[in-house]
């Protein structure tokens, strides 16, 4: 049985056109001329775009612990967040799961494994959107190497990022900034902070290289995190890093792009008008054409809003903005079956009402409605 979506604003080839989109089962079967079909779901001038593809979000952490000390079971958190993702129009989510021992941030290697296993199993059984895993490896956490290799070997991980949050580089340019962040945010005293510093500065190069080689043999996309200098990027290039998440200044972002490394920034940075940690405003990279895609980082609903903010603050065409949260990240994750509205692609489609604050009013995953926010509307 076919379902036909009709709209005056269907995103095809980075432009909005009038069209009838024909779906059958899990896939888009045809793009027909507008109005040619006798029976169609008429969406008027609402925008019809591909489902959002999010390569990096640790929103699951807030779902597990929405208030400090108030935790919920991982299985419940995964199921509840899945529903929220469908309402945000995110049809493909990569949960960024941190492998490090950080009790103040409720991160541990055992918890990371539990989260990944729950996401993987639930995704096969009952979740609405595609819930995948982006494993985050802190370079100082050499005890995490074998556990990460284990979940990779089971096919539970699709992306691997390399992080270095040691003081004196990256996110923390000075020891003082590191001490302030960990003291204020986690409530650590001086002795506890020093223990963290000592741990962060300890790295086992052999184990790091072993994990990277293992990831490559399993065809995982490699990402870096908070890159702050050209020299660091050169080293990452040698390791095979393909994506640079959250470069810390414009020069680094330009250099990354010139060397073939794609750059991604956080959508909340765009929506809020700047970085919550005082780093470069993402909109500056957008204006210079060196932000290639957006991720939700920690706030999934920012993905849609960022598209419209980029139009307002950087005069970026809306259609181009949508490509930064759909087709481009899908390609970087080697997901060639989604991210665009085209014959033969998955019927992952969202419908947007942007007459006021833009909002998702309908989400289809594999051709089935997983969220319907249009009053009185039946698909």
Protein backbone atom coordinates (compact mmCIF):
# COMPACT_ATOMS: atom_id res chain seq x y z
CA UNK A 1 0.00 0.00 0.00
CA UNK A 2 1.31 3.43 -0.96
CA UNK A 3 1.30 6.59 1.13
CA UNK A 4 1.58 9.88 -0.75
CA UNK A 5 2.72 13.07 0.97
CA UNK A 6 1.91 16.27 -0.91
CA UNK A 7 3.46 19.62 -0.09
CA UNK A 8 4.45 22.90 -1.70
CA UNK A 9 7.75 22.73 0.22
CA UNK A 10 9.51 19.39 -0.25
CA UNK A 11 13.29 19.50 0.22
CA UNK A 12 14.90 17.85 -2.81
CA UNK A 13 18.47 18.51 -3.99
CA UNK A 14 18.87 21.38 -1.50
CA UNK A 15 15.85 23.29 -2.73
CA UNK A 16 12.21 23.38 -1.74
CA UNK A 17 9.82 22.41 -4.52
CA UNK A 18 6.18 21.41 -4.95
CA UNK A 19 6.00 17.62 -5.10
CA UNK A 20 4.17 14.42 -4.23
CA UNK A 21 6.41 12.01 -2.30
CA UNK A 22 5.33 8.40 -2.73
CA UNK A 23 6.17 5.92 0.04
CA UNK A 24 5.76 2.17 0.12
CA UNK A 25 6.86 0.16 3.09
CA UNK A 26 10.19 1.42 4.42
CA UNK A 27 11.23 3.34 1.33
CA UNK A 28 10.54 6.29 -0.92
CA UNK A 29 9.47 4.81 -4.24
CA UNK A 30 8.85 7.92 -6.35
CA UNK A 31 8.91 11.69 -6.45
CA UNK A 32 5.91 12.72 -8.53
CA UNK A 33 4.78 16.01 -9.96
CA UNK A 34 2.76 18.02 -7.46
CA UNK A 35 -0.95 17.16 -7.55
CA UNK A 36 -0.66 14.32 -10.06
CA UNK A 37 -2.01 11.70 -7.65
CA UNK A 38 -5.72 11.55 -6.93
CA UNK A 39 -5.35 10.44 -3.30
CA UNK A 40 -2.66 12.10 -1.21
CA UNK A 41 -2.01 13.47 2.27
CA UNK A 42 -2.08 17.20 1.59
CA UNK A 43 0.29 19.01 3.93
CA UNK A 44 -0.23 22.41 2.37
CA UNK A 45 2.90 24.53 2.57
CA UNK A 46 4.41 22.74 5.57
CA UNK A 47 8.04 21.81 4.95
CA UNK A 48 8.77 18.15 4.21
CA UNK A 49 12.42 17.29 4.88
CA UNK A 50 14.53 14.21 5.65
CA UNK A 51 14.71 12.98 9.23
CA UNK A 52 17.51 14.56 11.26
CA UNK A 53 20.76 12.62 11.70
CA UNK A 54 22.56 13.44 14.96
CA UNK A 55 26.16 12.22 15.24
CA UNK A 56 26.83 13.27 18.81
CA UNK A 57 24.56 13.69 21.82
CA UNK A 58 25.01 12.84 25.47
CA UNK A 59 21.38 13.69 26.27
CA UNK A 60 21.01 10.15 27.64
CA UNK A 61 23.02 11.25 30.68
CA UNK A 62 20.41 13.85 31.60
CA UNK A 63 17.65 11.33 30.99
CA UNK A 64 19.33 8.96 33.44
CA UNK A 65 20.01 11.72 35.99
CA UNK A 66 17.75 14.74 35.33
CA UNK A 67 18.56 16.16 38.75
CA UNK A 68 21.76 15.65 40.71
CA UNK A 69 21.40 12.47 42.75
CA UNK A 70 18.07 11.49 41.19
CA UNK A 71 18.78 8.59 38.84
CA UNK A 72 16.50 6.44 36.72
CA UNK A 73 17.07 2.97 35.23
CA UNK A 74 19.02 2.98 31.96
CA UNK A 75 16.34 0.98 30.13
CA UNK A 76 13.66 3.50 31.08
CA UNK A 77 15.88 6.45 30.15
CA UNK A 78 16.60 5.00 26.71
CA UNK A 79 12.90 4.39 26.00
CA UNK A 80 11.81 7.83 27.19
CA UNK A 81 14.54 9.68 25.28
CA UNK A 82 13.59 7.76 22.14
CA UNK A 83 10.11 9.29 22.29
CA UNK A 84 11.55 12.78 22.76
CA UNK A 85 13.84 12.27 19.76
CA UNK A 86 10.87 11.46 17.54
CA UNK A 87 9.20 14.71 18.61
CA UNK A 88 12.42 16.59 17.82
CA UNK A 89 12.51 15.08 14.32
CA UNK A 90 15.67 13.08 14.98
CA UNK A 91 15.25 9.75 13.21
CA UNK A 92 18.89 8.64 13.53
CA UNK A 93 20.67 9.24 16.82
CA UNK A 94 24.26 8.47 17.79
CA UNK A 95 24.41 8.42 21.57
CA UNK A 96 27.83 9.72 22.66
CA UNK A 97 28.79 7.37 25.48
CA UNK A 98 31.83 8.38 27.51
CA UNK A 99 34.29 5.73 28.63
CA UNK A 100 36.02 7.21 31.66
CA UNK A 101 35.93 6.89 35.41
CA UNK A 102 34.23 10.11 36.50
CA UNK A 103 31.90 9.51 39.45
CA UNK A 104 31.01 13.19 39.74
CA UNK A 105 29.68 13.13 36.18
CA UNK A 106 28.12 9.71 36.70
CA UNK A 107 30.42 8.21 34.08
CA UNK A 108 32.16 4.89 34.43
CA UNK A 109 33.34 2.15 32.13
CA UNK A 110 30.80 -0.31 33.53
CA UNK A 111 27.95 2.18 33.08
CA UNK A 112 29.10 2.94 29.54
CA UNK A 113 28.97 -0.74 28.64
CA UNK A 114 25.54 -1.09 30.24
CA UNK A 115 24.20 1.89 28.32
CA UNK A 116 25.57 0.60 25.02
CA UNK A 117 24.19 -2.88 25.54
CA UNK A 118 20.75 -1.50 26.45
CA UNK A 119 20.69 0.86 23.46
CA UNK A 120 21.77 -1.90 21.10
CA UNK A 121 19.23 -4.44 22.35
CA UNK A 122 16.35 -1.98 22.70
CA UNK A 123 17.01 -0.65 19.22
CA UNK A 124 16.39 -4.09 17.78
CA UNK A 125 13.23 -4.66 19.80
CA UNK A 126 11.07 -1.63 20.45
CA UNK A 127 12.57 1.83 19.86
CA UNK A 128 11.04 4.19 17.32
CA UNK A 129 14.10 5.90 15.86
CA UNK A 130 17.45 4.38 14.96
CA UNK A 131 19.50 4.55 18.17
CA UNK A 132 23.19 3.99 17.45
CA UNK A 133 26.34 4.43 19.53
CA UNK A 134 29.21 6.86 19.30
CA UNK A 135 31.85 5.67 21.79
CA UNK A 136 33.96 8.43 23.36
CA UNK A 137 37.44 7.40 24.46
CA UNK A 138 39.31 9.65 26.88
CA UNK A 139 43.02 9.20 26.11
CA UNK A 140 43.94 8.90 29.77
CA UNK A 141 41.43 6.08 30.36
CA UNK A 142 43.65 3.25 29.16
CA UNK A 143 41.58 0.82 31.25
CA UNK A 144 38.74 1.49 28.81
CA UNK A 145 40.56 0.12 25.76
CA UNK A 146 39.56 -3.52 26.14
CA UNK A 147 35.92 -2.79 27.08
CA UNK A 148 35.57 -0.55 24.03
CA UNK A 149 37.11 -3.22 21.80
CA UNK A 150 34.61 -5.69 23.22
CA UNK A 151 31.54 -3.64 22.29
CA UNK A 152 33.06 -2.86 18.89
CA UNK A 153 33.58 -6.59 18.26
CA UNK A 154 29.86 -7.16 18.95
CA UNK A 155 28.82 -4.59 16.35
CA UNK A 156 27.45 -2.23 18.98
CA UNK A 157 29.51 0.84 18.03
CA UNK A 158 29.50 2.79 14.76
CA UNK A 159 31.60 5.87 15.62
CA UNK A 160 34.65 6.35 17.85
CA UNK A 161 35.91 9.69 19.06
CA UNK A 162 39.24 10.45 20.68
CA UNK A 163 39.10 12.97 23.52
CA UNK A 164 41.80 14.68 25.56
CA UNK A 165 40.50 16.77 28.43
CA UNK A 166 43.85 17.18 30.16
CA UNK A 167 44.79 20.69 31.34
CA UNK A 168 46.98 22.95 29.21
CA UNK A 169 45.36 22.24 25.83
CA UNK A 170 42.04 21.65 24.13
CA UNK A 171 39.04 22.71 26.17
CA UNK A 172 41.23 23.68 29.13
CA UNK A 173 43.96 26.05 27.94
CA UNK A 174 45.37 26.49 31.44
CA UNK A 175 45.59 24.53 34.66
CA UNK A 176 43.59 27.30 36.30
CA UNK A 177 40.66 26.89 33.90
CA UNK A 178 40.73 23.14 34.51
CA UNK A 179 40.74 23.61 38.29
CA UNK A 180 37.91 26.15 38.14
CA UNK A 181 35.73 23.91 35.98
CA UNK A 182 36.21 20.77 38.03
CA UNK A 183 35.99 22.64 41.32
CA UNK A 184 32.80 24.52 40.49
CA UNK A 185 30.99 21.99 38.31
CA UNK A 186 31.81 18.82 40.23
CA UNK A 187 32.42 20.26 43.69
CA UNK A 188 35.93 18.79 44.01
CA UNK A 189 38.41 19.99 46.60
CA UNK A 190 42.07 20.73 45.75
CA UNK A 191 43.31 17.22 46.50
CA UNK A 192 40.56 15.65 44.40
CA UNK A 193 41.29 18.02 41.54
CA UNK A 194 44.99 17.12 41.68
CA UNK A 195 44.09 13.42 41.47
CA UNK A 196 42.06 14.17 38.32
CA UNK A 197 44.95 16.20 36.83
CA UNK A 198 47.42 13.38 37.45
CA UNK A 199 45.07 10.89 35.82
CA UNK A 200 44.36 13.11 32.80
CA UNK A 201 48.08 13.60 32.14
CA UNK A 202 48.76 9.86 32.16
CA UNK A 203 48.44 8.22 28.74
CA UNK A 204 49.48 4.81 27.42
CA UNK A 205 50.40 5.43 23.76
CA UNK A 206 50.61 1.72 22.97
CA UNK A 207 47.06 1.05 24.15
CA UNK A 208 45.76 4.14 22.38
CA UNK A 209 47.26 3.04 19.05
CA UNK A 210 45.96 -0.48 19.59
CA UNK A 211 42.38 0.80 20.00
CA UNK A 212 42.61 3.05 16.96
CA UNK A 213 43.93 0.20 14.82
CA UNK A 214 41.15 -2.05 16.07
CA UNK A 215 38.52 0.55 15.19
CA UNK A 216 39.95 0.89 11.69
CA UNK A 217 39.78 -2.84 11.07
CA UNK A 218 36.06 -2.62 11.91
CA UNK A 219 35.56 0.31 9.52
CA UNK A 220 34.53 2.76 12.22
CA UNK A 221 34.58 6.48 11.47
CA UNK A 222 37.13 8.21 13.74
CA UNK A 223 36.48 11.61 15.26
CA UNK A 224 38.52 14.02 17.36
CA UNK A 225 37.28 16.42 20.00
CA UNK A 226 38.02 20.04 20.99
CA UNK A 227 40.96 20.46 18.61
CA UNK A 228 42.95 23.58 19.49
CA UNK A 229 46.02 23.69 17.24
CA UNK A 230 47.29 22.78 13.78
CA UNK A 231 50.02 20.51 15.16
CA UNK A 232 47.41 18.42 16.93
CA UNK A 233 45.38 18.11 13.73
CA UNK A 234 48.45 16.92 11.81
CA UNK A 235 48.89 14.14 14.34
CA UNK A 236 45.21 13.24 14.13
CA UNK A 237 45.45 13.08 10.35
CA UNK A 238 48.18 10.47 10.71
CA UNK A 239 45.86 8.45 12.95
CA UNK A 240 43.08 8.52 10.34
CA UNK A 241 40.67 10.95 12.01
CA UNK A 242 37.96 12.02 9.56
CA UNK A 243 35.83 14.41 11.62
CA UNK A 244 36.80 17.18 14.03
CA UNK A 245 34.14 17.90 16.64
CA UNK A 246 34.00 21.36 18.18
CA UNK A 247 37.27 22.92 16.90
CA UNK A 248 38.18 25.69 19.31
CA UNK A 249 39.06 28.48 16.91
CA UNK A 250 38.58 29.58 13.33
CA UNK A 251 42.16 28.92 12.21
CA UNK A 252 41.98 25.30 13.37
CA UNK A 253 38.64 24.78 11.64
CA UNK A 254 39.95 26.23 8.38
CA UNK A 255 43.04 24.05 8.53
CA UNK A 256 40.99 20.94 9.24
CA UNK A 257 38.75 21.55 6.23
CA UNK A 258 41.76 22.29 4.00
CA UNK A 259 43.18 18.89 4.96
CA UNK A 260 39.96 17.02 4.27
CA UNK A 261 38.78 16.71 7.87
CA UNK A 262 35.11 17.66 8.23
CA UNK A 263 34.18 19.95 11.10
CA UNK A 264 31.10 19.67 13.29
CA UNK A 265 29.73 22.08 15.88
CA UNK A 266 26.99 21.96 18.48
CA UNK A 267 23.53 23.16 17.54
CA UNK A 268 22.98 24.58 21.06
CA UNK A 269 25.96 26.87 20.45
CA UNK A 270 24.12 28.27 17.42
CA UNK A 271 20.76 28.63 19.18
CA UNK A 272 22.17 30.19 22.36
CA UNK A 273 24.42 32.57 20.42
CA UNK A 274 27.68 31.20 21.78
CA UNK A 275 29.54 28.44 23.58
CA UNK A 276 28.54 27.58 27.14
CA UNK A 277 32.23 27.02 27.96
CA UNK A 278 33.54 30.26 26.46
CA UNK A 279 34.95 28.79 23.25
CA UNK A 280 34.35 30.13 19.74
CA UNK A 281 30.79 30.84 18.65
CA UNK A 282 29.74 28.23 16.11
CA UNK A 283 28.04 30.85 13.95
CA UNK A 284 31.47 32.31 13.14
CA UNK A 285 32.49 29.00 11.58
CA UNK A 286 29.20 28.87 9.69
CA UNK A 287 29.78 32.34 8.24
CA UNK A 288 33.24 31.26 7.07
CA UNK A 289 31.95 28.03 5.55
CA UNK A 290 34.06 25.81 7.82
CA UNK A 291 31.29 24.22 9.86
CA UNK A 292 30.14 21.27 7.79
CA UNK A 293 27.53 19.72 10.06
CA UNK A 294 25.76 20.19 13.36
CA UNK A 295 25.11 17.79 16.23
CA UNK A 296 22.84 18.26 19.22
CA UNK A 297 25.68 17.79 21.74
CA UNK A 298 23.40 17.78 24.78
CA UNK A 299 20.12 19.38 23.56
CA UNK A 300 18.28 17.48 20.78
CA UNK A 301 15.60 20.11 20.12
CA UNK A 302 18.30 22.61 19.14
CA UNK A 303 18.90 20.81 15.85
CA UNK A 304 15.80 22.19 14.12
CA UNK A 305 16.03 25.63 15.70
CA UNK A 306 19.68 26.00 14.63
CA UNK A 307 18.70 25.80 10.96
CA UNK A 308 16.53 28.88 11.31
CA UNK A 309 19.05 30.71 13.48
CA UNK A 310 21.74 30.18 10.83
CA UNK A 311 19.42 31.83 8.32
CA UNK A 312 18.87 34.76 10.67
CA UNK A 313 22.43 35.19 11.95
CA UNK A 314 24.54 34.08 8.98
CA UNK A 315 22.11 34.45 6.05
CA UNK A 316 22.53 30.74 5.35
CA UNK A 317 19.90 29.36 3.01
CA UNK A 318 17.35 27.24 4.88
CA UNK A 319 17.79 24.33 2.49
CA UNK A 320 21.57 24.39 3.02
CA UNK A 321 21.01 24.54 6.76
CA UNK A 322 18.87 21.42 6.63
CA UNK A 323 21.62 19.57 4.75
CA UNK A 324 23.90 20.20 7.75
CA UNK A 325 21.61 18.12 9.98
CA UNK A 326 20.46 15.50 7.44
CA UNK A 327 22.38 14.49 4.32
CA UNK A 328 25.84 15.67 5.38
CA UNK A 329 26.04 13.86 8.74
CA UNK A 330 24.44 10.78 7.16
CA UNK A 331 27.24 10.68 4.59
CA UNK A 332 29.93 11.15 7.25
CA UNK A 333 28.49 8.21 9.18
CA UNK A 334 28.47 6.09 5.98
CA UNK A 335 24.68 5.85 6.07
CA UNK A 336 23.95 6.04 2.37
CA UNK A 337 20.33 4.93 2.72
CA UNK A 338 19.00 8.09 4.40
CA UNK A 339 19.37 11.83 4.81
CA UNK A 340 17.75 12.85 1.52
CA UNK A 341 14.32 12.60 -0.08
CA UNK A 342 15.03 10.51 -3.13
CA UNK A 343 13.75 7.36 -4.79
CA UNK A 344 15.11 4.26 -3.08
CA UNK A 345 16.07 5.96 0.17
CA UNK A 346 14.56 5.17 3.55
CA UNK A 347 11.28 6.91 4.26
CA UNK A 348 12.70 8.82 7.23
CA UNK A 349 10.79 12.06 6.84
CA UNK A 350 9.69 14.92 9.07
CA UNK A 351 7.07 17.61 8.52
CA UNK A 352 7.68 21.10 9.90
CA UNK A 353 5.33 23.94 10.68
CA UNK A 354 7.45 27.11 10.77
CA UNK A 355 4.75 29.77 10.83
CA UNK A 356 5.78 30.67 14.38
CA UNK A 357 8.59 28.96 16.31
CA UNK A 358 9.54 26.09 13.98
CA UNK A 359 8.30 22.75 15.24
CA UNK A 360 8.09 19.18 14.05
CA UNK A 361 4.47 18.14 13.60
CA UNK A 362 4.95 14.71 12.01
CA UNK A 363 7.79 12.19 12.05
CA UNK A 364 7.96 9.10 9.85
CA UNK A 365 10.55 6.39 10.43
CA UNK A 366 10.81 3.75 7.73
CA UNK A 367 7.48 4.99 6.40
CA UNK A 368 5.62 4.64 9.70
CA UNK A 369 4.37 7.49 11.85
CA UNK A 370 6.22 7.56 15.18
CA UNK A 371 5.08 11.06 16.16
CA UNK A 372 1.97 12.94 15.07
CA UNK A 373 1.43 16.41 16.44
CA UNK A 374 -1.13 17.67 13.93
CA UNK A 375 -4.48 17.99 15.65
CA UNK A 376 -7.19 15.94 13.96
CA UNK A 377 -4.74 14.61 11.37
CA UNK A 378 -4.62 10.98 10.30
CA UNK A 379 -1.98 9.55 8.01
